[in-house]
N, C-alpha and C. Protein backbone atom coordinates (compact mmCIF):
# COMPACT_ATOMS: atom_id res chain seq x y z
N MET A 1 -12.68 -17.50 31.59
CA MET A 1 -12.58 -16.97 32.89
C MET A 1 -13.86 -16.30 33.47
N LEU A 2 -14.64 -15.55 32.87
CA LEU A 2 -15.63 -14.73 33.40
C LEU A 2 -16.73 -16.13 33.60
N LYS A 3 -16.80 -16.82 32.41
CA LYS A 3 -18.00 -17.88 32.39
C LYS A 3 -17.64 -18.76 33.72
N LEU A 4 -16.57 -18.89 33.91
CA LEU A 4 -16.06 -19.98 35.18
C LEU A 4 -16.35 -19.46 36.30
N LEU A 5 -16.07 -18.20 36.63
CA LEU A 5 -16.34 -17.20 37.39
C LEU A 5 -18.17 -17.17 38.17
N LEU A 6 -18.89 -17.00 36.77
CA LEU A 6 -20.05 -16.60 37.19
C LEU A 6 -20.70 -18.32 37.64
N THR A 7 -20.27 -19.25 36.62
CA THR A 7 -20.86 -20.42 37.09
C THR A 7 -20.65 -20.90 38.61
N LEU A 8 -19.04 -20.73 39.23
CA LEU A 8 -18.82 -20.82 40.63
C LEU A 8 -19.96 -20.11 41.47
N ALA A 9 -20.04 -18.74 41.05
CA ALA A 9 -20.88 -18.20 42.17
C ALA A 9 -22.20 -18.38 41.81
N GLY A 10 -22.81 -18.64 40.47
CA GLY A 10 -24.38 -19.57 40.57
C GLY A 10 -24.33 -21.13 41.62
N ALA A 11 -23.33 -21.62 41.23
CA ALA A 11 -23.31 -22.77 42.29
C ALA A 11 -23.30 -22.38 43.56
N GLU A 12 -22.21 -21.35 44.28
CA GLU A 12 -22.29 -21.46 45.59
C GLU A 12 -24.02 -20.33 45.95
N ALA A 13 -24.50 -19.48 45.16
CA ALA A 13 -25.74 -19.13 45.76
C ALA A 13 -26.84 -20.35 45.76
N GLY A 14 -26.67 -21.28 44.59
CA GLY A 14 -27.61 -22.28 44.88
C GLY A 14 -27.49 -23.27 46.07
N ALA A 15 -26.17 -23.60 46.43
CA ALA A 15 -26.15 -24.17 47.75
C ALA A 15 -26.27 -23.33 48.88
N ILE A 16 -26.47 -22.00 48.63
CA ILE A 16 -26.96 -21.13 50.16
C ILE A 16 -28.49 -21.10 50.31
N VAL A 17 -29.13 -21.08 48.99
CA VAL A 17 -30.27 -21.02 49.08
C VAL A 17 -30.84 -22.35 49.46
N ARG A 18 -30.47 -23.51 49.13
CA ARG A 18 -30.76 -24.77 49.26
C ARG A 18 -30.26 -25.18 50.87
N ALA A 19 -29.17 -24.59 51.32
CA ALA A 19 -29.10 -24.91 52.85
C ALA A 19 -30.23 -24.18 53.41
N ARG A 20 -30.74 -22.76 53.35
CA ARG A 20 -31.59 -22.21 54.10
C ARG A 20 -33.06 -22.98 53.84
N ALA A 21 -33.45 -23.32 52.60
CA ALA A 21 -34.60 -23.95 52.44
C ALA A 21 -34.72 -25.10 53.26
N GLU A 22 -33.45 -26.17 53.31
CA GLU A 22 -33.26 -27.18 54.34
C GLU A 22 -33.86 -26.70 55.73
N ARG A 23 -33.08 -25.71 56.18
CA ARG A 23 -33.46 -25.24 57.32
C ARG A 23 -34.46 -24.95 57.78
N ALA A 24 -35.28 -24.26 56.81
CA ALA A 24 -36.48 -23.66 57.16
C ALA A 24 -37.39 -24.87 57.07
N ALA A 25 -37.48 -25.96 56.32
CA ALA A 25 -38.10 -27.16 56.68
C ALA A 25 -38.19 -28.02 57.66
N ARG A 26 -36.71 -27.87 58.09
CA ARG A 26 -36.46 -28.55 59.26
C ARG A 26 -37.18 -27.65 60.72
N VAL A 27 -37.11 -26.32 60.68
CA VAL A 27 -37.64 -25.49 61.38
C VAL A 27 -39.23 -25.80 61.61
N VAL A 28 -40.01 -25.71 60.32
CA VAL A 28 -41.68 -26.12 59.98
C VAL A 28 -41.89 -27.67 60.68
N VAL A 29 -41.27 -28.36 60.26
CA VAL A 29 -41.45 -29.66 60.78
C VAL A 29 -41.48 -30.07 62.70
N TRP A 30 -40.21 -29.31 63.13
CA TRP A 30 -40.16 -29.03 64.53
C TRP A 30 -41.05 -28.44 65.07
N CYS A 31 -41.63 -27.37 64.54
CA CYS A 31 -42.45 -26.56 64.99
C CYS A 31 -44.10 -27.21 65.08
N LEU A 32 -44.14 -27.97 64.06
CA LEU A 32 -45.53 -28.72 63.92
C LEU A 32 -45.40 -29.99 65.03
N VAL A 33 -44.00 -30.49 65.17
CA VAL A 33 -44.18 -31.63 66.14
C VAL A 33 -44.49 -31.11 67.39
N ALA A 34 -43.91 -29.59 67.80
CA ALA A 34 -43.83 -29.08 69.19
C ALA A 34 -45.31 -28.91 69.44
N GLY A 35 -46.11 -28.39 68.35
CA GLY A 35 -47.48 -27.77 68.37
C GLY A 35 -48.34 -29.36 68.48
N VAL A 36 -48.34 -30.37 67.97
CA VAL A 36 -48.81 -31.42 68.14
C VAL A 36 -48.67 -31.80 69.64
N LEU A 37 -47.40 -31.96 70.49
CA LEU A 37 -47.09 -32.56 71.45
C LEU A 37 -47.93 -31.44 72.66
N GLY A 38 -47.68 -30.24 72.43
CA GLY A 38 -48.50 -29.18 73.25
C GLY A 38 -49.95 -29.69 73.10
N LEU A 39 -50.73 -29.53 71.64
CA LEU A 39 -52.07 -30.03 72.15
C LEU A 39 -52.05 -31.18 72.75
N ILE A 40 -51.38 -32.38 72.63
CA ILE A 40 -51.75 -33.49 73.46
C ILE A 40 -51.64 -33.36 74.77
N GLY A 41 -50.36 -32.48 75.19
CA GLY A 41 -50.46 -32.01 76.59
C GLY A 41 -51.68 -31.25 77.22
N LEU A 42 -52.11 -30.24 76.28
CA LEU A 42 -53.16 -29.73 76.71
C LEU A 42 -54.41 -30.48 77.00
N VAL A 43 -54.75 -31.50 76.16
CA VAL A 43 -55.94 -32.41 76.49
C VAL A 43 -55.87 -33.20 77.61
N PHE A 44 -54.83 -33.82 77.88
CA PHE A 44 -54.60 -34.36 79.09
C PHE A 44 -54.83 -33.49 80.36
N LEU A 45 -54.14 -32.37 80.21
CA LEU A 45 -54.31 -31.81 81.18
C LEU A 45 -56.03 -31.07 81.47
N LEU A 46 -56.37 -30.95 80.45
CA LEU A 46 -58.08 -30.69 80.73
C LEU A 46 -58.73 -32.23 80.95
N VAL A 47 -58.37 -33.22 80.88
CA VAL A 47 -58.75 -34.54 81.46
C VAL A 47 -58.68 -34.62 82.67
N ALA A 48 -57.48 -34.15 83.02
CA ALA A 48 -57.19 -34.25 84.48
C ALA A 48 -57.86 -33.25 85.16
N LEU A 49 -58.30 -31.94 84.72
CA LEU A 49 -58.97 -31.10 85.43
C LEU A 49 -60.50 -31.58 85.44
N ALA A 50 -60.75 -32.03 84.64
CA ALA A 50 -62.11 -32.78 84.59
C ALA A 50 -62.41 -33.93 85.81
N VAL A 51 -61.25 -34.87 85.66
CA VAL A 51 -61.48 -35.76 86.58
C VAL A 51 -61.18 -35.37 88.20
N ALA A 52 -60.69 -34.11 88.37
CA ALA A 52 -60.32 -33.38 89.68
C ALA A 52 -61.72 -32.84 90.23
N LEU A 53 -62.31 -32.33 88.94
CA LEU A 53 -63.80 -31.54 89.17
C LEU A 53 -64.76 -32.78 89.62
N ALA A 54 -64.71 -34.02 89.07
CA ALA A 54 -65.77 -34.85 88.95
C ALA A 54 -66.38 -35.06 90.57
N PRO A 55 -65.63 -35.32 91.47
CA PRO A 55 -66.38 -35.71 92.96
C PRO A 55 -67.04 -34.24 93.08
N HIS A 56 -66.91 -33.04 92.66
CA HIS A 56 -67.35 -32.04 93.40
C HIS A 56 -68.81 -31.58 92.59
N LEU A 57 -68.37 -31.71 91.25
CA LEU A 57 -69.55 -31.46 90.33
C LEU A 57 -70.24 -32.56 89.57
N GLY A 58 -69.67 -33.78 89.62
CA GLY A 58 -70.19 -34.83 88.79
C GLY A 58 -69.66 -34.94 87.51
N VAL A 59 -69.70 -36.15 87.20
CA VAL A 59 -68.86 -36.30 85.72
C VAL A 59 -69.44 -35.45 84.68
N ALA A 60 -70.75 -35.30 84.43
CA ALA A 60 -71.46 -34.33 83.54
C ALA A 60 -71.05 -32.75 83.98
N GLY A 61 -71.16 -32.50 85.11
CA GLY A 61 -70.73 -30.95 85.41
C GLY A 61 -69.35 -30.82 85.32
N ALA A 62 -68.42 -31.59 85.63
CA ALA A 62 -67.00 -31.47 85.45
C ALA A 62 -66.65 -31.08 83.79
N ALA A 63 -67.24 -32.03 83.06
CA ALA A 63 -67.04 -32.15 81.75
C ALA A 63 -67.73 -30.57 81.10
N ALA A 64 -68.93 -30.35 81.49
CA ALA A 64 -69.20 -28.99 80.98
C ALA A 64 -68.55 -28.04 81.96
N ALA A 65 -68.35 -27.98 82.59
CA ALA A 65 -67.17 -26.86 83.57
C ALA A 65 -66.09 -26.70 82.27
N VAL A 66 -65.38 -27.68 82.17
CA VAL A 66 -63.81 -27.56 81.42
C VAL A 66 -64.46 -27.26 79.94
N GLY A 67 -65.37 -27.70 79.49
CA GLY A 67 -65.69 -27.50 78.04
C GLY A 67 -66.25 -25.93 77.95
N GLY A 68 -66.77 -25.25 79.03
CA GLY A 68 -67.36 -23.92 78.87
C GLY A 68 -66.15 -23.19 79.21
N GLY A 69 -65.15 -23.62 79.86
CA GLY A 69 -64.03 -22.70 80.10
C GLY A 69 -63.11 -22.66 78.62
N VAL A 70 -62.86 -23.79 77.97
CA VAL A 70 -62.07 -23.98 76.92
C VAL A 70 -62.90 -22.78 75.76
N LEU A 71 -64.14 -23.03 75.92
CA LEU A 71 -65.26 -22.34 74.89
C LEU A 71 -65.02 -20.65 74.95
N LEU A 72 -64.90 -20.62 76.50
CA LEU A 72 -64.50 -19.21 76.92
C LEU A 72 -63.05 -18.32 76.39
N LEU A 73 -62.39 -19.49 76.66
CA LEU A 73 -60.70 -19.02 76.26
C LEU A 73 -60.77 -18.97 74.84
N ALA A 74 -61.60 -19.43 74.15
CA ALA A 74 -61.53 -19.42 72.45
C ALA A 74 -62.38 -18.29 71.90
N ALA A 75 -63.41 -17.84 72.84
CA ALA A 75 -63.75 -16.67 72.59
C ALA A 75 -63.25 -15.61 72.49
N ILE A 76 -62.50 -15.42 73.85
CA ILE A 76 -61.69 -14.33 74.15
C ILE A 76 -60.57 -14.22 73.12
N ALA A 77 -59.98 -15.38 72.63
CA ALA A 77 -58.98 -15.46 71.55
C ALA A 77 -59.37 -14.94 70.30
N LEU A 78 -60.94 -15.46 70.03
CA LEU A 78 -61.13 -14.90 68.61
C LEU A 78 -61.52 -13.44 69.05
N ALA A 79 -62.03 -12.61 69.93
CA ALA A 79 -61.97 -11.33 69.76
C ALA A 79 -60.90 -10.62 69.89
N VAL A 80 -59.90 -10.95 70.64
CA VAL A 80 -58.53 -10.53 70.61
C VAL A 80 -57.85 -10.61 69.09
N GLY A 81 -58.27 -11.78 68.46
CA GLY A 81 -57.83 -11.49 67.00
C GLY A 81 -58.10 -10.85 65.99
N ARG A 82 -59.51 -10.57 66.09
CA ARG A 82 -60.27 -10.20 65.07
C ARG A 82 -60.55 -8.16 65.93
N TYR A 83 -59.87 -7.93 67.12
CA TYR A 83 -59.82 -6.62 67.29
C TYR A 83 -59.15 -5.55 66.34
N ARG A 84 -59.87 -4.61 66.14
CA ARG A 84 -59.34 -3.45 64.89
C ARG A 84 -59.36 -2.32 65.70
N PRO A 85 -58.57 -1.45 66.07
CA PRO A 85 -58.91 -0.10 66.73
C PRO A 85 -59.66 0.86 65.76
N ARG A 86 -60.46 1.61 66.26
CA ARG A 86 -61.32 2.10 65.17
C ARG A 86 -60.35 3.85 65.53
N TYR A 87 -60.49 4.52 64.26
CA TYR A 87 -60.16 6.00 64.20
C TYR A 87 -61.00 6.71 65.49
N ARG A 88 -60.21 7.66 65.90
CA ARG A 88 -61.24 8.35 66.89
C ARG A 88 -60.88 10.20 66.40
N PRO A 89 -61.51 10.80 66.15
CA PRO A 89 -61.24 12.17 65.79
C PRO A 89 -60.74 13.00 67.04
N PRO A 90 -59.64 13.68 66.74
CA PRO A 90 -58.94 14.07 67.96
C PRO A 90 -60.27 15.19 68.64
N ALA A 91 -60.02 15.43 69.86
CA ALA A 91 -60.81 16.53 70.77
C ALA A 91 -60.70 17.70 70.29
N PRO A 92 -61.56 18.49 70.08
CA PRO A 92 -61.49 19.99 69.63
C PRO A 92 -60.48 20.81 70.81
N LEU A 93 -59.40 21.45 70.65
CA LEU A 93 -58.67 22.05 71.54
C LEU A 93 -59.38 23.27 72.13
N PRO A 94 -58.94 23.38 73.09
CA PRO A 94 -59.83 24.36 73.98
C PRO A 94 -59.62 25.73 73.49
N MET A 95 -58.42 26.16 72.86
CA MET A 95 -58.02 27.19 72.52
C MET A 95 -59.28 27.82 71.16
N ALA A 96 -60.06 26.54 70.42
CA ALA A 96 -61.07 27.15 69.69
C ALA A 96 -62.02 28.31 70.09
N GLY A 97 -62.73 28.15 70.96
CA GLY A 97 -63.41 29.22 71.68
C GLY A 97 -62.75 30.81 71.93
N LEU A 98 -61.51 30.64 72.05
CA LEU A 98 -60.75 31.89 72.14
C LEU A 98 -60.60 32.47 70.94
N ALA A 99 -59.97 31.53 69.77
CA ALA A 99 -60.26 31.94 68.66
C ALA A 99 -61.51 32.58 67.86
N ALA A 100 -62.36 31.97 68.35
CA ALA A 100 -63.65 32.52 67.60
C ALA A 100 -63.64 33.92 68.31
N ALA A 101 -63.61 34.10 69.53
CA ALA A 101 -63.79 35.36 70.41
C ALA A 101 -62.98 36.63 69.88
N THR A 102 -61.70 36.19 69.28
CA THR A 102 -61.01 37.05 68.99
C THR A 102 -61.06 37.29 67.64
N GLY A 103 -61.61 36.58 66.83
CA GLY A 103 -61.90 36.62 65.32
C GLY A 103 -60.48 36.18 64.53
N THR A 104 -59.54 35.30 65.34
CA THR A 104 -58.46 34.60 64.37
C THR A 104 -58.87 33.55 63.85
N ALA A 105 -58.21 32.75 63.01
CA ALA A 105 -58.61 31.83 62.36
C ALA A 105 -57.83 30.61 62.91
N THR A 106 -58.47 29.55 63.37
CA THR A 106 -57.77 28.14 63.62
C THR A 106 -57.35 27.50 62.33
N ALA A 107 -56.18 26.56 62.81
CA ALA A 107 -55.73 25.99 61.92
C ALA A 107 -56.45 25.13 60.90
N THR A 108 -57.70 24.93 61.15
CA THR A 108 -58.47 24.06 60.16
C THR A 108 -59.17 25.07 59.51
N GLU A 109 -59.40 26.39 59.71
CA GLU A 109 -59.82 27.27 59.06
C GLU A 109 -59.09 27.96 58.12
N ALA A 110 -57.52 27.69 58.42
CA ALA A 110 -56.54 28.46 57.55
C ALA A 110 -56.50 27.77 56.23
N GLY A 111 -56.71 26.45 56.32
CA GLY A 111 -56.71 26.11 54.94
C GLY A 111 -55.35 24.54 55.16
N PRO A 112 -55.17 24.06 54.08
CA PRO A 112 -54.59 22.97 54.25
C PRO A 112 -53.14 23.42 54.42
N ALA A 113 -52.31 22.38 54.98
CA ALA A 113 -50.59 22.83 55.40
C ALA A 113 -49.89 23.01 54.28
N ARG A 114 -49.33 23.54 54.24
CA ARG A 114 -48.08 23.31 53.19
C ARG A 114 -47.14 22.32 53.42
N PRO A 115 -46.83 21.80 52.22
CA PRO A 115 -45.55 20.60 52.59
C PRO A 115 -44.29 21.10 52.76
N VAL A 116 -43.96 20.64 53.95
CA VAL A 116 -42.46 20.80 54.22
C VAL A 116 -41.28 20.55 53.32
N ASP A 117 -40.06 21.44 53.01
CA ASP A 117 -39.19 21.06 52.10
C ASP A 117 -38.24 20.29 53.36
N ALA A 118 -37.45 19.17 52.58
CA ALA A 118 -36.35 18.39 53.15
C ALA A 118 -35.41 19.18 53.64
N SER A 119 -34.91 20.73 53.28
CA SER A 119 -34.04 21.35 53.39
C SER A 119 -34.28 22.16 54.46
N THR A 120 -35.61 22.42 54.74
CA THR A 120 -36.09 23.47 55.73
C THR A 120 -35.98 22.47 57.17
N VAL A 121 -36.29 21.40 56.52
CA VAL A 121 -36.46 20.20 58.33
C VAL A 121 -34.71 20.18 58.62
N PHE A 122 -33.99 20.05 57.63
CA PHE A 122 -32.68 19.94 58.27
C PHE A 122 -31.77 20.94 58.58
N ALA A 123 -32.36 22.09 58.26
CA ALA A 123 -31.95 23.58 58.55
C ALA A 123 -32.32 23.72 59.79
N ALA A 124 -33.53 23.33 60.20
CA ALA A 124 -34.02 23.50 61.60
C ALA A 124 -33.61 22.67 62.47
N ALA A 125 -33.16 21.49 62.36
CA ALA A 125 -32.40 20.39 62.75
C ALA A 125 -30.89 20.44 63.27
N LEU A 126 -30.32 21.49 62.13
CA LEU A 126 -28.73 21.73 62.19
C LEU A 126 -28.75 22.95 63.57
N GLY A 127 -29.78 23.59 63.36
CA GLY A 127 -29.88 24.98 64.15
C GLY A 127 -30.06 24.64 65.47
N THR A 128 -30.87 23.83 65.55
CA THR A 128 -31.22 23.20 66.96
C THR A 128 -29.78 22.70 67.44
N LEU A 129 -29.29 21.99 66.81
CA LEU A 129 -27.97 20.97 67.04
C LEU A 129 -26.89 22.27 67.46
N LEU A 130 -26.72 23.17 66.67
CA LEU A 130 -25.95 24.27 67.25
C LEU A 130 -26.24 24.96 68.47
N VAL A 131 -27.80 24.99 68.59
CA VAL A 131 -27.81 25.97 69.67
C VAL A 131 -27.68 24.92 71.05
N GLY A 132 -27.78 23.85 70.90
CA GLY A 132 -27.72 22.85 71.99
C GLY A 132 -26.05 22.68 72.52
N ILE A 133 -25.42 23.03 71.29
CA ILE A 133 -23.86 22.69 71.44
C ILE A 133 -23.81 23.80 72.28
N VAL A 134 -23.81 25.09 71.82
CA VAL A 134 -23.65 26.41 72.23
C VAL A 134 -23.93 26.95 73.84
N LEU A 135 -25.01 26.32 74.08
CA LEU A 135 -25.58 26.10 75.56
C LEU A 135 -24.64 24.69 76.40
N GLY A 136 -24.91 23.95 76.00
CA GLY A 136 -23.99 23.04 76.48
C GLY A 136 -22.59 23.03 76.98
N ARG A 137 -22.19 23.98 76.16
CA ARG A 137 -20.49 24.43 76.67
C ARG A 137 -20.72 25.26 77.52
N ARG A 138 -21.57 26.48 77.37
CA ARG A 138 -21.93 27.50 78.66
C ARG A 138 -22.35 26.70 79.82
N VAL A 139 -22.82 25.95 79.73
CA VAL A 139 -23.49 25.66 81.26
C VAL A 139 -22.50 24.59 81.71
């Protein structure tokens, strides 16, 4: 009986995986079709733009203007794609001068911070919740 149930469960799981794979393949094919049609439409729009600019700039000027515009858009897209935000160290706190004047240690001079225990965080959150409930009931 157990062997029959395992066989049926395996067949059901296989059918689900097969259906998902077929759906994913269908989505990929339709996305490729939409991408190709979009590129064809973009080429036609660029040709129409060149034809519209030809009386004003000449044929070569219109082609150069459209080609330059497309290259500019490509360069912008490349720059956006390659952008990586750089780490900037935080600005020093204005209290650092006060700490030096009074002789107290700043957080960076005191040494590394101790790891916080999860029960400490939970106790602080619970205490904050209780204070909020008490104050909320009184207001």
